[in-house]
Amino acid sequence: MTDSGLWQGVEAEGRWLVTADKEFADFRHRPPGTHAGIILLRSHQEGLDEYARLVQRMLDEVNLDDVAGAVIVATDRGVRVRRNS
């Protein structure tokens, strides 16, 4: 599946996208408030264990009600939430 096809499906179903592909979180193409929510996992190491750790960190720090329309970036240093301003 292409990125475009994936995004069309996510949009059609009104779902959040959890990804390690930073292009999906590009504000120029998908600004906060124009989608159901994007959660970007940014790690120095790839792998399921590392991504699971970042998801847990995000869940510990972010109320899931706040994901709607936001771009959330979970990194080794913390979690940032960007909303439509």
Protein backbone atom coordinates (compact mmCIF):
# COMPACT_ATOMS: atom_id res chain seq x y z
CA MET A 1 0.00 0.00 0.00
CA THR A 2 1.25 3.45 -0.83
CA ASP A 3 1.44 6.28 1.70
CA SER A 4 -1.29 8.03 -0.24
CA GLY A 5 -3.54 4.97 -0.13
CA LEU A 6 -2.92 4.50 3.57
CA TRP A 7 -3.72 8.14 4.30
CA GLN A 8 -6.93 7.98 2.25
CA GLY A 9 -8.08 4.97 4.29
CA VAL A 10 -7.19 6.63 7.59
CA GLU A 11 -9.06 9.78 6.57
CA ALA A 12 -12.10 7.89 5.25
CA GLU A 13 -12.45 5.99 8.52
CA GLY A 14 -11.67 8.99 10.75
CA ARG A 15 -8.90 7.09 12.54
CA TRP A 16 -5.68 8.18 14.22
CA LEU A 17 -2.48 7.28 12.45
CA VAL A 18 0.38 5.92 14.56
CA THR A 19 3.58 5.97 12.51
CA ALA A 20 7.35 6.29 12.54
CA ASP A 21 7.28 8.00 9.13
CA LYS A 22 7.85 11.70 9.82
CA GLU A 23 6.45 12.72 6.44
CA PHE A 24 2.94 11.98 7.73
CA ALA A 25 3.41 14.57 10.49
CA ASP A 26 4.53 17.34 8.10
CA PHE A 27 2.45 20.36 9.13
CA ARG A 28 2.60 21.79 5.61
CA HIS A 29 0.63 18.82 4.25
CA ARG A 30 -1.39 17.72 7.29
CA PRO A 31 -1.79 20.64 9.70
CA PRO A 32 -3.31 20.00 13.13
CA GLY A 33 -7.09 20.19 13.07
CA THR A 34 -7.44 18.81 9.54
CA HIS A 35 -7.46 15.10 10.48
CA ALA A 36 -8.42 12.77 13.33
CA GLY A 37 -4.88 12.76 14.78
CA ILE A 38 -1.33 11.67 14.04
CA ILE A 39 1.00 10.06 16.57
CA LEU A 40 4.60 10.11 15.39
CA LEU A 41 7.10 7.80 17.08
CA ARG A 42 10.67 9.14 16.80
CA SER A 43 13.39 6.90 18.11
CA HIS A 44 17.12 6.56 17.56
CA GLN A 45 16.59 2.80 17.30
CA GLU A 46 13.99 0.96 15.27
CA GLY A 47 12.14 -2.04 16.61
CA LEU A 48 8.90 -3.11 18.19
CA ASP A 49 10.21 -2.86 21.76
CA GLU A 50 11.37 0.70 21.21
CA TYR A 51 8.12 1.75 19.54
CA ALA A 52 6.10 0.09 22.31
CA ARG A 53 8.11 2.06 24.89
CA LEU A 54 7.36 5.32 23.07
CA VAL A 55 3.66 4.49 22.82
CA GLN A 56 3.59 3.78 26.57
CA ARG A 57 5.35 7.08 27.26
CA MET A 58 2.76 8.90 25.14
CA LEU A 59 -0.10 7.12 26.92
CA ASP A 60 1.37 8.10 30.29
CA GLU A 61 1.59 11.76 29.33
CA VAL A 62 -1.36 12.46 27.00
CA ASN A 63 -5.09 12.20 27.63
CA LEU A 64 -6.47 10.26 24.65
CA ASP A 65 -9.32 12.78 24.37
CA ASP A 66 -6.62 15.31 23.39
CA VAL A 67 -5.46 13.30 20.36
CA ALA A 68 -8.36 14.41 18.14
CA GLY A 69 -6.96 16.66 15.44
CA ALA A 70 -3.51 16.87 17.04
CA VAL A 71 -0.06 15.90 15.88
CA ILE A 72 1.71 14.16 18.76
CA VAL A 73 5.43 13.42 18.63
CA ALA A 74 6.83 10.90 21.11
CA THR A 75 10.64 10.86 21.40
CA ASP A 76 13.27 9.67 23.82
CA ARG A 77 13.25 13.17 25.32
CA GLY A 78 9.50 13.52 25.80
CA VAL A 79 6.12 14.03 24.19
CA ARG A 80 5.02 17.13 22.26
CA VAL A 81 1.41 17.85 21.32
CA ARG A 82 0.65 20.28 18.51
CA ARG A 83 -2.96 21.40 18.09
CA ASN A 84 -4.69 23.76 15.73
CA SER A 85 -4.11 27.27 17.03
